[in-house]
Amino acid sequence: MNLKGRHLIDPGDFSLSELDSIFSLAEKMIENGEEFSQICKGKILATLFYEPSTRTRLSFEAAMLRMGGKVLGFSDANVSSAAKGESMADTIRVISSYADIAVIRHPKEGAPRLASKYSDIPVINGGDGGHQHPTQTLTDLLTIKMLKGSISGNTVAFCGDLKFGRTVHSLIKTLSRYSDNKFILVSPKELRLPDHIKHVLQNEAHAEILETEDLEAIINNIDILYMTRIQKERFFNEADYVRLKDSYILNRSKLRDSKKDMLVMHPLPRVNEISYDVDDDERAAYFKQARFGVYARMALMASQLGVNINA
């Protein structure tokens, strides 16, 4: 598949066959990393992070460095010209002269898409508000493929903040494009999955959905449990956050009767929604997930840059 020059703003921008081509390349990179260590020599990644990030930003930087490229950018909007009032359109026009590819994280939904309209280089959405997080979706899908063997035919429970969780929004819509996946939505009523996403799942993907507030009632019948934190930064009312923040806490005792090959996934960072006693359980996949994220982003950027891959 030829993805050279393409933007990734929404996981729906790529077909399933294009996504699968990225995963196939990522698997090769996992198996033979050294063979890809110079494929981006001379290439520059710009990281434009208007919102705090640890994993996403460093994962992108590690991905480019592992391929022999270089990185420039900022991790705080206050040290960029945005603090002076510069528009996103002007910023990306300038950055297009400095770098070969750019990743943008922004608190405003739609900002990366706006940037892509003015960019001469491929733009990657590194997360925009509570909207989308497509490279976390690539990470999650690669993790499922590597650890479960197939992205299709799984019963997946999403637990926690389903209203504001952009990782959930991106992943569940993409999983619904694969065959025979079923979804269980576990959340307080205040943090349920938005209706417009449920509409897509039910009326376009014709996916099977169950909504519940009881995690323990369903945990023994699922293949993948995708935990999320209650996001303090998305709340306008501190009292609401305090009331809901401990709604779901997964500990080892709750896993007692769940499937032995079930995956416990989490986009990280966690606060207290997964107890540390789960970390050593064979079902805990979230740190493997973070590792796979580097390779997913390596494969994505290599494909967008159209570099020569002989491995």
Protein backbone atom coordinates (compact mmCIF):
# COMPACT_ATOMS: atom_id res chain seq x y z
CA MET A 1 0.00 0.00 0.00
CA ASN A 2 1.27 3.47 -0.89
CA LEU A 3 0.77 5.78 2.09
CA LYS A 4 3.48 8.24 1.08
CA GLY A 5 2.46 11.82 1.82
CA ARG A 6 -0.81 10.84 3.50
CA HIS A 7 -2.09 12.47 6.70
CA LEU A 8 -3.46 10.44 9.64
CA ILE A 9 -6.08 12.50 11.46
CA ASP A 10 -8.73 9.84 12.08
CA PRO A 11 -8.23 6.03 11.97
CA GLY A 12 -10.93 6.03 9.29
CA ASP A 13 -8.52 7.85 6.97
CA PHE A 14 -6.90 4.47 6.24
CA SER A 15 -8.60 1.37 4.86
CA LEU A 16 -8.36 -1.92 6.75
CA SER A 17 -5.87 -3.22 4.20
CA GLU A 18 -3.74 -0.10 4.71
CA LEU A 19 -3.89 -0.55 8.48
CA ASP A 20 -2.92 -4.20 8.09
CA SER A 21 0.06 -3.21 5.93
CA ILE A 22 1.28 -0.98 8.78
CA PHE A 23 0.90 -3.83 11.26
CA SER A 24 2.81 -6.22 8.97
CA LEU A 25 5.67 -3.74 8.72
CA ALA A 26 5.60 -3.16 12.48
CA GLU A 27 5.90 -6.92 13.08
CA LYS A 28 8.98 -7.03 10.84
CA MET A 29 10.46 -4.13 12.81
CA ILE A 30 9.81 -5.93 16.09
CA GLU A 31 11.56 -9.04 14.79
CA ASN A 32 14.51 -7.32 13.05
CA GLY A 33 14.86 -3.81 14.42
CA GLU A 34 18.49 -3.37 13.39
CA GLU A 35 17.62 -3.79 9.72
CA PHE A 36 15.47 -0.65 9.90
CA SER A 37 17.86 1.47 11.97
CA GLN A 38 18.87 3.84 9.14
CA ILE A 39 15.81 3.96 6.88
CA CYS A 40 14.94 7.51 7.98
CA LYS A 41 18.47 8.89 7.97
CA GLY A 42 18.25 12.55 6.95
CA LYS A 43 14.54 12.80 7.85
CA ILE A 44 13.21 15.15 10.54
CA LEU A 45 10.10 14.73 12.70
CA ALA A 46 8.49 17.84 14.19
CA THR A 47 6.62 17.25 17.47
CA LEU A 48 4.11 20.04 18.13
CA PHE A 49 2.60 19.31 21.53
CA TYR A 50 0.20 21.99 22.72
CA GLU A 51 -0.96 19.67 25.52
CA PRO A 52 1.08 17.68 28.08
CA SER A 53 2.27 14.22 27.06
CA THR A 54 4.87 11.72 28.12
CA ARG A 55 4.24 8.46 26.31
CA THR A 56 2.96 9.77 23.00
CA ARG A 57 5.66 12.38 22.50
CA LEU A 58 8.54 10.19 23.65
CA SER A 59 7.18 7.23 21.71
CA PHE A 60 7.23 9.27 18.50
CA GLU A 61 10.71 10.56 19.26
CA ALA A 62 11.98 7.06 20.03
CA ALA A 63 10.39 5.77 16.82
CA MET A 64 12.13 8.34 14.63
CA LEU A 65 15.47 7.98 16.43
CA ARG A 66 15.32 4.18 16.08
CA MET A 67 15.02 4.67 12.32
CA GLY A 68 18.03 6.99 12.15
CA GLY A 69 16.09 10.24 11.84
CA LYS A 70 16.09 13.39 13.95
CA VAL A 71 13.51 15.28 16.01
CA LEU A 72 12.68 18.91 16.70
CA GLY A 73 9.72 20.52 18.36
CA PHE A 74 8.18 21.69 21.61
CA SER A 75 6.26 20.08 24.46
CA ASP A 76 4.61 23.18 25.88
CA ALA A 77 2.46 25.64 23.94
CA ASN A 78 3.71 28.45 26.19
CA VAL A 79 7.19 28.19 24.67
CA SER A 80 5.85 28.31 21.11
CA SER A 81 4.61 31.26 19.07
CA ALA A 82 1.07 30.16 19.86
CA ALA A 83 1.60 32.13 23.09
CA LYS A 84 1.99 35.20 20.87
CA GLY A 85 -1.20 34.43 19.00
CA GLU A 86 0.21 32.68 15.93
CA SER A 87 -2.41 30.62 14.08
CA MET A 88 -2.15 26.89 13.55
CA ALA A 89 -2.18 27.49 9.79
CA ASP A 90 0.88 29.74 9.96
CA THR A 91 2.71 27.43 12.36
CA ILE A 92 2.37 24.38 10.12
CA ARG A 93 3.31 26.37 7.01
CA VAL A 94 6.58 27.31 8.68
CA ILE A 95 7.20 23.83 10.14
CA SER A 96 6.71 22.35 6.65
CA SER A 97 9.93 24.14 5.70
CA TYR A 98 11.84 22.64 8.63
CA ALA A 99 10.70 19.03 8.85
CA ASP A 100 9.58 16.08 6.73
CA ILE A 101 6.66 14.95 8.92
CA ALA A 102 4.82 16.39 11.93
CA VAL A 103 2.78 15.08 14.85
CA ILE A 104 0.39 17.48 16.59
CA ARG A 105 -1.32 17.13 19.96
CA HIS A 106 -3.82 19.85 20.74
CA PRO A 107 -6.57 20.42 23.33
CA LYS A 108 -8.97 21.68 20.65
CA GLU A 109 -10.84 19.09 18.62
CA GLY A 110 -10.12 19.44 14.92
CA ALA A 111 -6.83 21.35 15.26
CA PRO A 112 -4.68 18.64 13.58
CA ARG A 113 -7.17 18.37 10.70
CA LEU A 114 -7.01 22.13 10.22
CA ALA A 115 -3.21 21.95 10.18
CA SER A 116 -3.28 19.20 7.55
CA LYS A 117 -5.12 21.53 5.14
CA TYR A 118 -2.19 23.96 5.19
CA SER A 119 0.69 21.49 5.45
CA ASP A 120 3.15 20.43 2.76
CA ILE A 121 4.26 17.46 4.86
CA PRO A 122 2.33 14.52 6.37
CA VAL A 123 0.49 15.46 9.58
CA ILE A 124 -0.30 12.94 12.32
CA ASN A 125 -2.93 13.60 14.94
CA GLY A 126 -1.29 12.91 18.29
CA GLY A 127 -4.59 13.49 20.13
CA ASP A 128 -7.10 16.32 19.82
CA GLY A 129 -9.16 17.11 22.90
CA GLY A 130 -11.69 14.38 23.69
CA HIS A 131 -12.03 13.53 20.00
CA GLN A 132 -9.51 11.12 18.42
CA HIS A 133 -6.13 9.51 19.10
CA PRO A 134 -5.38 7.47 15.97
CA THR A 135 -1.83 6.38 16.76
CA GLN A 136 -2.96 5.01 20.12
CA THR A 137 -5.48 3.04 18.08
CA LEU A 138 -2.66 1.68 15.90
CA THR A 139 -0.82 0.76 19.09
CA ASP A 140 -3.87 -0.97 20.54
CA LEU A 141 -4.65 -2.90 17.36
CA LEU A 142 -1.03 -4.04 16.99
CA THR A 143 -1.10 -5.19 20.63
CA ILE A 144 -4.27 -7.20 20.03
CA LYS A 145 -2.85 -8.71 16.85
CA MET A 146 0.43 -9.68 18.52
CA LEU A 147 -1.08 -11.07 21.73
CA LYS A 148 -4.46 -12.44 20.61
CA GLY A 149 -3.53 -13.45 17.07
CA SER A 150 -6.48 -11.66 15.44
CA ILE A 151 -8.15 -8.26 15.60
CA SER A 152 -11.49 -9.87 14.72
CA GLY A 153 -13.82 -12.07 16.76
CA ASN A 154 -13.23 -10.62 20.23
CA THR A 155 -15.54 -9.49 23.02
CA VAL A 156 -14.06 -6.20 24.21
CA ALA A 157 -15.10 -4.35 27.37
CA PHE A 158 -14.28 -0.66 27.68
CA CYS A 159 -14.31 0.55 31.28
CA GLY A 160 -14.13 4.00 32.87
CA ASP A 161 -14.36 7.35 31.10
CA LEU A 162 -16.09 6.54 27.83
CA LYS A 163 -17.44 10.07 27.35
CA PHE A 164 -14.20 12.01 27.16
CA GLY A 165 -11.77 9.16 26.43
CA ARG A 166 -10.41 9.86 22.93
CA THR A 167 -8.49 6.58 22.96
CA VAL A 168 -11.80 4.75 23.43
CA HIS A 169 -13.52 6.76 20.68
CA SER A 170 -10.81 5.98 18.14
CA LEU A 171 -10.39 2.34 19.06
CA ILE A 172 -14.01 1.25 19.33
CA LYS A 173 -14.94 2.76 15.96
CA THR A 174 -11.98 1.07 14.31
CA LEU A 175 -12.58 -2.29 15.99
CA SER A 176 -16.17 -2.14 14.72
CA ARG A 177 -14.79 -2.18 11.16
CA TYR A 178 -13.29 -5.62 11.79
CA SER A 179 -15.60 -8.62 11.74
CA ASP A 180 -17.37 -10.27 14.68
CA ASN A 181 -16.26 -7.98 17.49
CA LYS A 182 -18.69 -7.42 20.36
CA PHE A 183 -18.56 -4.51 22.80
CA ILE A 184 -19.45 -4.07 26.46
CA LEU A 185 -19.50 -0.48 27.72
CA VAL A 186 -18.82 -0.17 31.46
CA SER A 187 -19.15 3.30 32.94
CA PRO A 188 -21.12 5.53 35.30
CA LYS A 189 -24.15 7.00 33.54
CA GLU A 190 -22.43 10.41 33.52
CA LEU A 191 -19.50 9.04 31.50
CA ARG A 192 -21.26 6.86 28.94
CA LEU A 193 -20.07 6.62 25.36
CA PRO A 194 -21.45 9.55 23.33
CA ASP A 195 -24.60 8.81 21.37
CA HIS A 196 -23.06 9.76 18.03
CA ILE A 197 -20.45 7.02 18.42
CA LYS A 198 -23.06 4.48 19.51
CA HIS A 199 -25.03 5.44 16.41
CA VAL A 200 -22.03 4.56 14.22
CA LEU A 201 -21.54 1.24 15.99
CA GLN A 202 -25.18 0.21 15.84
CA ASN A 203 -26.39 1.64 12.54
CA GLU A 204 -23.28 1.55 10.36
CA ALA A 205 -21.19 -1.30 11.78
CA HIS A 206 -24.21 -3.24 13.14
CA ALA A 207 -22.11 -4.15 16.17
CA GLU A 208 -23.47 -5.91 19.24
CA ILE A 209 -23.35 -3.58 22.28
CA LEU A 210 -24.15 -4.02 25.97
CA GLU A 211 -24.09 -1.10 28.44
CA THR A 212 -23.64 -1.71 32.16
CA GLU A 213 -22.30 -0.06 35.31
CA ASP A 214 -21.15 -3.39 36.80
CA LEU A 215 -17.63 -4.45 35.80
CA GLU A 216 -17.57 -7.57 37.96
CA ALA A 217 -20.74 -8.90 36.34
CA ILE A 218 -19.10 -9.16 32.90
CA ILE A 219 -15.39 -9.59 33.55
CA ASN A 220 -15.44 -13.39 33.29
CA ASN A 221 -16.90 -13.40 29.78
CA ILE A 222 -14.62 -11.08 27.85
CA ASP A 223 -11.46 -11.42 25.75
CA ILE A 224 -10.11 -7.90 26.24
CA LEU A 225 -10.62 -5.42 29.08
CA TYR A 226 -9.68 -1.87 28.09
CA MET A 227 -9.38 0.20 31.27
CA THR A 228 -9.25 4.00 31.22
CA ARG A 229 -8.68 6.63 33.87
CA ILE A 230 -11.30 9.17 34.87
CA GLN A 231 -9.74 12.27 33.30
CA LYS A 232 -9.63 15.15 35.74
CA GLU A 233 -8.59 17.60 33.01
CA ARG A 234 -11.85 17.01 31.09
CA PHE A 235 -14.12 17.95 34.01
CA PHE A 236 -15.51 21.46 34.51
CA ASN A 237 -16.65 20.65 38.04
CA GLU A 238 -14.13 19.36 40.59
CA ALA A 239 -16.89 17.86 42.74
CA ASP A 240 -18.07 15.68 39.83
CA TYR A 241 -14.52 14.41 39.32
CA VAL A 242 -14.06 13.57 43.00
CA ARG A 243 -17.40 11.74 43.05
CA LEU A 244 -16.58 9.62 39.98
CA LYS A 245 -12.80 9.14 40.07
CA ASP A 246 -12.86 5.85 42.00
CA SER A 247 -15.79 4.32 40.14
CA TYR A 248 -13.75 1.35 38.92
CA ILE A 249 -10.60 -0.07 40.45
CA LEU A 250 -9.31 -3.32 38.97
CA ASN A 251 -7.37 -5.54 41.35
CA ARG A 252 -6.08 -9.09 41.13
CA SER A 253 -8.97 -10.61 43.05
CA LYS A 254 -11.41 -9.35 40.41
CA LEU A 255 -9.44 -11.27 37.77
CA ARG A 256 -9.71 -14.56 39.66
CA ASP A 257 -12.23 -16.24 37.37
CA SER A 258 -11.62 -14.32 34.14
CA LYS A 259 -10.23 -16.02 31.06
CA LYS A 260 -6.55 -16.97 31.36
CA ASP A 261 -5.82 -15.42 27.96
CA MET A 262 -7.82 -12.26 28.55
CA LEU A 263 -5.86 -9.06 27.94
CA VAL A 264 -5.95 -6.14 30.37
CA MET A 265 -5.10 -3.06 28.32
CA HIS A 266 -4.74 0.61 29.28
CA PRO A 267 -3.49 3.56 27.20
CA LEU A 268 -1.69 4.98 30.27
CA PRO A 269 -1.12 6.97 32.36
CA ARG A 270 -3.02 5.19 35.10
CA VAL A 271 -3.94 6.80 38.37
CA ASN A 272 -5.52 4.18 40.62
CA GLU A 273 -7.92 2.37 38.27
CA ILE A 274 -5.55 -0.62 38.02
CA SER A 275 -3.94 -1.78 41.27
CA TYR A 276 -0.25 -2.57 41.22
CA ASP A 277 -0.97 -6.18 42.15
CA VAL A 278 -2.29 -6.66 38.60
CA ASP A 279 1.06 -5.77 37.02
CA ASP A 280 2.54 -9.25 37.48
CA ASP A 281 -0.57 -11.05 36.26
CA GLU A 282 -0.12 -12.82 32.93
CA ARG A 283 -3.15 -10.95 31.59
CA ALA A 284 -1.64 -7.49 32.14
CA ALA A 285 -0.69 -6.15 28.70
CA TYR A 286 -0.39 -2.38 29.21
CA PHE A 287 3.39 -2.14 29.43
CA LYS A 288 3.75 -4.40 26.38
CA GLN A 289 1.21 -2.09 24.75
CA ALA A 290 3.48 0.91 25.38
CA ARG A 291 6.41 -0.95 23.80
CA PHE A 292 4.38 -1.91 20.74
CA GLY A 293 3.47 1.76 20.36
CA VAL A 294 7.00 2.63 19.29
CA TYR A 295 6.91 0.06 16.49
CA ALA A 296 3.42 1.07 15.36
CA ARG A 297 4.64 4.66 15.01
CA MET A 298 7.84 3.57 13.29
CA ALA A 299 5.85 1.66 10.68
CA LEU A 300 3.38 4.52 10.25
CA MET A 301 6.01 7.22 9.70
CA ALA A 302 8.14 5.04 7.43
CA SER A 303 5.05 4.42 5.30
CA GLN A 304 4.05 8.10 5.20
CA LEU A 305 7.58 9.15 4.31
CA GLY A 306 7.81 6.52 1.59
CA VAL A 307 11.33 5.55 2.63
CA ASN A 308 13.11 2.66 0.95
CA ILE A 309 12.49 -0.47 2.99
CA ASN A 310 14.58 -3.45 1.93
CA ALA A 311 14.32 -5.51 5.12
